[in-house]
Amino acid sequence: MAHSIASESLSNDLAERLRQRIQAESLADGELFMTEAQLAEEYQVSRTVAREAVCRLRALGILEGRQRKGLVVRRPDPLRLLASSLPSLIDSDSDFLELQKLRYVLEVGAIELAVRNATDEQIEQLEEIARKMEQAVRGNVLSDRAIELDLSFHALVLQMTGSVLIAGMQQVLVEYFKFAAQHGTTSTGAADRIVWEHRELLAAIRARDAEHARAMIRLQFRDLLAGETTSC
């Protein structure tokens, strides 16, 4: 048991040293690194420790094994890593609440960039989505069509930031957004509120009014900010 713990500690330490080396040497994506055998010899560790360290970096997308070549440096994809780990964070109400907080921080933080960088074409697209949403929620707030349009609306807002990473977060979290929407309220008043909130957010973006846009995002998360589970 003690040997296993010591081996894991050595592997973790080596993995971090290798990560720092790759960063310090500015090794480019696709650049040949070394083989596991060379790694073990250079760092004076066992092949087992070397292999475990490499496995950790491969799991992070930092290294990739190539037959007859050895290890190749890769550019990690944080969205892929997050997407693969998120399913394990939906086992309880408290876990889901954490994902909702993540969405809130993401959208509030992104809205200033969205207001600043939105193109006229994107604003027109947002207008079209808002119009279709208004039609969709008249019959049933929680219809699949209404949920789809709400997700499209917020996805476009994140795309307006001009950041691939920020926009990609919407796709990573989309299934959890759908879950939140399907557990929202179904009252007629709620339908009117949803339409109004999206129209106001659209108007704020069109007017390049970051403060108003941020206020509208906060309003959409009113239940979360009050300590309750928020709806769509």
Protein backbone atom coordinates (compact mmCIF):
# COMPACT_ATOMS: atom_id res chain seq x y z
CA MET A 1 0.00 0.00 0.00
CA ALA A 2 2.80 2.40 0.97
CA HIS A 3 4.66 1.50 -2.24
CA SER A 4 1.55 2.25 -4.30
CA ILE A 5 1.10 5.66 -2.66
CA ALA A 6 4.77 6.48 -3.17
CA SER A 7 4.58 5.48 -6.84
CA GLU A 8 1.51 7.64 -7.37
CA SER A 9 3.24 10.60 -5.73
CA LEU A 10 6.28 10.15 -7.98
CA SER A 11 4.04 9.90 -11.05
CA ASN A 12 2.15 13.06 -10.13
CA ASP A 13 5.40 14.91 -9.49
CA LEU A 14 6.89 13.76 -12.80
CA ALA A 15 3.74 14.65 -14.71
CA GLU A 16 3.86 18.19 -13.34
CA ARG A 17 7.57 18.53 -14.14
CA LEU A 18 6.93 17.39 -17.70
CA ARG A 19 4.02 19.80 -18.08
CA GLN A 20 6.18 22.67 -16.86
CA ARG A 21 8.97 21.65 -19.23
CA ILE A 22 6.65 21.57 -22.24
CA GLN A 23 5.38 25.02 -21.30
CA ALA A 24 8.82 26.48 -20.54
CA GLU A 25 10.29 25.22 -23.82
CA SER A 26 7.22 26.43 -25.75
CA LEU A 27 6.92 23.09 -27.51
CA ALA A 28 4.43 23.39 -30.35
CA ASP A 29 1.43 21.20 -31.10
CA GLY A 30 2.64 18.10 -32.95
CA GLU A 31 6.27 18.47 -31.89
CA LEU A 32 8.10 15.25 -30.99
CA PHE A 33 8.89 15.01 -27.27
CA MET A 34 10.61 11.73 -26.31
CA THR A 35 9.83 8.08 -25.69
CA GLU A 36 8.78 6.68 -22.33
CA ALA A 37 12.11 4.85 -22.13
CA GLN A 38 14.05 8.07 -22.71
CA LEU A 39 11.86 9.85 -20.19
CA ALA A 40 12.50 7.20 -17.53
CA GLU A 41 16.25 7.35 -18.15
CA GLU A 42 16.51 11.13 -18.15
CA TYR A 43 14.45 11.57 -14.98
CA GLN A 44 15.87 8.48 -13.26
CA VAL A 45 12.52 6.84 -12.56
CA SER A 46 11.09 3.40 -13.24
CA ARG A 47 9.26 2.66 -16.48
CA THR A 48 6.09 2.24 -14.40
CA VAL A 49 6.36 5.74 -12.93
CA ALA A 50 7.16 7.15 -16.37
CA ARG A 51 4.19 5.38 -17.93
CA GLU A 52 1.80 6.60 -15.20
CA ALA A 53 3.04 10.19 -15.57
CA VAL A 54 2.55 10.02 -19.32
CA CYS A 55 -0.95 8.58 -18.82
CA ARG A 56 -1.88 11.60 -16.71
CA LEU A 57 -0.69 14.01 -19.39
CA ARG A 58 -2.40 12.02 -22.14
CA ALA A 59 -5.66 12.22 -20.18
CA LEU A 60 -5.26 16.00 -20.13
CA GLY A 61 -4.59 16.08 -23.86
CA ILE A 62 -1.03 17.39 -23.38
CA LEU A 63 0.78 14.34 -24.78
CA GLU A 64 -0.16 11.78 -27.39
CA GLY A 65 1.52 8.46 -28.15
CA ARG A 66 2.60 7.78 -31.74
CA GLN A 67 3.71 4.36 -32.90
CA ARG A 68 7.39 4.17 -33.79
CA LYS A 69 7.80 7.85 -32.91
CA GLY A 70 7.21 8.18 -29.19
CA LEU A 71 5.38 10.98 -27.45
CA VAL A 72 4.08 14.01 -29.30
CA VAL A 73 3.08 17.33 -27.72
CA ARG A 74 -0.56 18.22 -28.23
CA ARG A 75 -2.58 21.35 -27.62
CA PRO A 76 -5.15 20.43 -24.93
CA ASP A 77 -8.83 21.03 -25.55
CA PRO A 78 -10.40 22.32 -22.29
CA LEU A 79 -13.91 22.00 -23.71
CA ARG A 80 -13.41 18.31 -24.46
CA LEU A 81 -12.04 17.73 -20.95
CA LEU A 82 -14.97 19.53 -19.36
CA ALA A 83 -17.50 17.70 -21.53
CA SER A 84 -16.07 14.33 -20.51
CA SER A 85 -16.14 15.14 -16.80
CA LEU A 86 -19.46 16.98 -16.45
CA PRO A 87 -21.69 13.85 -16.58
CA SER A 88 -20.23 12.93 -13.19
CA LEU A 89 -21.46 16.26 -11.75
CA ILE A 90 -25.18 15.71 -12.15
CA ASP A 91 -25.78 13.12 -9.44
CA SER A 92 -27.54 15.42 -6.99
CA ASP A 93 -29.49 18.66 -6.71
CA SER A 94 -26.47 20.39 -5.17
CA ASP A 95 -24.28 19.32 -8.10
CA PHE A 96 -26.84 20.62 -10.57
CA LEU A 97 -27.03 23.89 -8.66
CA GLU A 98 -23.27 24.24 -9.10
CA LEU A 99 -23.69 23.89 -12.87
CA GLN A 100 -26.36 26.56 -12.82
CA LYS A 101 -23.98 28.87 -10.96
CA LEU A 102 -21.37 28.14 -13.62
CA ARG A 103 -23.85 29.13 -16.32
CA TYR A 104 -24.72 32.32 -14.45
CA VAL A 105 -21.08 33.37 -14.08
CA LEU A 106 -20.43 32.50 -17.72
CA GLU A 107 -23.30 34.57 -19.09
CA VAL A 108 -22.88 37.56 -16.78
CA GLY A 109 -19.16 37.63 -17.52
CA ALA A 110 -19.68 37.27 -21.27
CA ILE A 111 -22.39 39.86 -21.79
CA GLU A 112 -20.07 42.88 -21.86
CA LEU A 113 -17.98 41.30 -24.65
CA ALA A 114 -21.17 40.33 -26.47
CA VAL A 115 -22.49 43.88 -26.35
CA ARG A 116 -19.16 45.26 -27.53
CA ASN A 117 -18.48 42.75 -30.32
CA ALA A 118 -21.91 41.81 -31.68
CA THR A 119 -22.23 42.36 -35.42
CA ASP A 120 -25.33 43.82 -37.05
CA GLU A 121 -25.94 40.44 -38.67
CA GLN A 122 -25.83 38.66 -35.31
CA ILE A 123 -28.24 41.17 -33.81
CA GLU A 124 -30.63 40.52 -36.69
CA GLN A 125 -30.34 36.78 -36.05
CA LEU A 126 -31.06 37.36 -32.37
CA GLU A 127 -34.13 39.38 -33.32
CA GLU A 128 -35.38 36.51 -35.47
CA ILE A 129 -34.88 33.99 -32.66
CA ALA A 130 -36.71 36.26 -30.20
CA ARG A 131 -39.62 36.59 -32.63
CA LYS A 132 -39.90 32.84 -33.06
CA MET A 133 -39.63 32.33 -29.29
CA GLU A 134 -42.53 34.71 -28.74
CA GLN A 135 -44.66 32.57 -31.04
CA ALA A 136 -43.48 29.31 -29.45
CA VAL A 137 -44.24 30.20 -25.82
CA ARG A 138 -47.80 31.35 -26.44
CA GLY A 139 -49.08 27.78 -26.37
CA ASN A 140 -46.67 26.05 -24.02
CA VAL A 141 -43.76 27.64 -22.17
CA LEU A 142 -41.94 24.32 -21.93
CA SER A 143 -42.46 23.04 -25.46
CA ASP A 144 -39.41 21.50 -27.07
CA ARG A 145 -39.45 24.31 -29.62
CA ALA A 146 -39.43 27.01 -26.96
CA ILE A 147 -36.53 25.34 -25.15
CA GLU A 148 -34.60 24.95 -28.40
CA LEU A 149 -35.06 28.63 -29.22
CA ASP A 150 -34.03 29.73 -25.74
CA LEU A 151 -30.81 27.72 -26.05
CA SER A 152 -30.19 29.15 -29.52
CA PHE A 153 -30.73 32.67 -28.20
CA HIS A 154 -28.17 32.29 -25.42
CA ALA A 155 -25.75 30.38 -27.66
CA LEU A 156 -25.77 33.29 -30.09
CA VAL A 157 -25.18 35.77 -27.26
CA LEU A 158 -22.07 33.81 -26.28
CA GLN A 159 -20.93 33.64 -29.92
CA MET A 160 -21.16 37.43 -30.01
CA THR A 161 -18.22 37.58 -27.59
CA GLY A 162 -15.93 36.46 -30.40
CA SER A 163 -14.40 33.82 -28.12
CA VAL A 164 -14.37 30.21 -29.30
CA LEU A 165 -13.90 29.00 -25.74
CA ILE A 166 -16.82 31.00 -24.32
CA ALA A 167 -19.12 30.01 -27.18
CA GLY A 168 -18.09 26.37 -26.81
CA MET A 169 -19.11 26.35 -23.16
CA GLN A 170 -22.75 26.62 -24.28
CA GLN A 171 -22.44 23.35 -26.18
CA VAL A 172 -20.73 21.66 -23.24
CA LEU A 173 -23.52 22.66 -20.85
CA VAL A 174 -26.46 22.41 -23.25
CA GLU A 175 -27.92 19.17 -21.85
CA TYR A 176 -27.97 20.66 -18.37
CA PHE A 177 -29.61 23.82 -19.69
CA LYS A 178 -32.34 21.65 -21.22
CA PHE A 179 -32.85 19.94 -17.87
CA ALA A 180 -33.26 23.32 -16.16
CA ALA A 181 -35.71 24.51 -18.80
CA GLN A 182 -37.86 21.40 -18.50
CA HIS A 183 -38.20 21.99 -14.76
CA GLY A 184 -39.30 25.61 -15.12
CA THR A 185 -42.66 27.16 -14.49
CA THR A 186 -45.58 26.82 -16.95
CA SER A 187 -47.82 29.72 -16.00
CA THR A 188 -49.10 32.25 -18.54
CA GLY A 189 -47.37 34.97 -16.56
CA ALA A 190 -44.12 33.10 -16.89
CA ALA A 191 -44.58 32.95 -20.67
CA ASP A 192 -45.02 36.72 -20.82
CA ARG A 193 -42.01 37.22 -18.55
CA ILE A 194 -39.74 35.02 -20.66
CA VAL A 195 -40.70 36.86 -23.85
CA TRP A 196 -40.20 40.26 -22.22
CA GLU A 197 -36.82 39.35 -20.71
CA HIS A 198 -35.42 38.13 -24.02
CA ARG A 199 -36.79 41.18 -25.83
CA GLU A 200 -35.22 43.50 -23.25
CA LEU A 201 -31.87 41.70 -23.49
CA LEU A 202 -32.01 42.00 -27.26
CA ALA A 203 -32.79 45.72 -27.00
CA ALA A 204 -29.87 46.25 -24.61
CA ILE A 205 -27.45 44.51 -26.96
CA ARG A 206 -28.75 46.49 -29.94
CA ALA A 207 -28.28 49.73 -27.97
CA ARG A 208 -24.78 48.61 -26.87
CA ASP A 209 -25.92 49.07 -23.28
CA ALA A 210 -23.80 46.66 -21.25
CA GLU A 211 -25.26 47.66 -17.88
CA HIS A 212 -28.85 47.04 -18.98
CA ALA A 213 -27.85 43.75 -20.64
CA ARG A 214 -26.10 42.60 -17.46
CA ALA A 215 -29.17 43.54 -15.42
CA MET A 216 -31.37 41.43 -17.71
CA ILE A 217 -29.07 38.41 -17.38
CA ARG A 218 -29.22 38.77 -13.60
CA LEU A 219 -33.01 39.00 -13.79
CA GLN A 220 -33.20 35.72 -15.70
CA PHE A 221 -31.29 34.08 -12.86
CA ARG A 222 -33.37 35.69 -10.11
CA ASP A 223 -34.27 32.37 -8.45
CA LEU A 224 -30.67 31.23 -8.37
CA LEU A 225 -29.55 34.51 -6.83
CA ALA A 226 -32.29 34.11 -4.22
CA GLY A 227 -30.82 30.74 -3.26
CA GLU A 228 -33.33 28.61 -5.16
CA THR A 229 -33.07 26.43 -8.26
CA THR A 230 -33.56 28.67 -11.28
CA SER A 231 -35.77 27.97 -14.28
CA CYS A 232 -35.10 28.71 -17.95
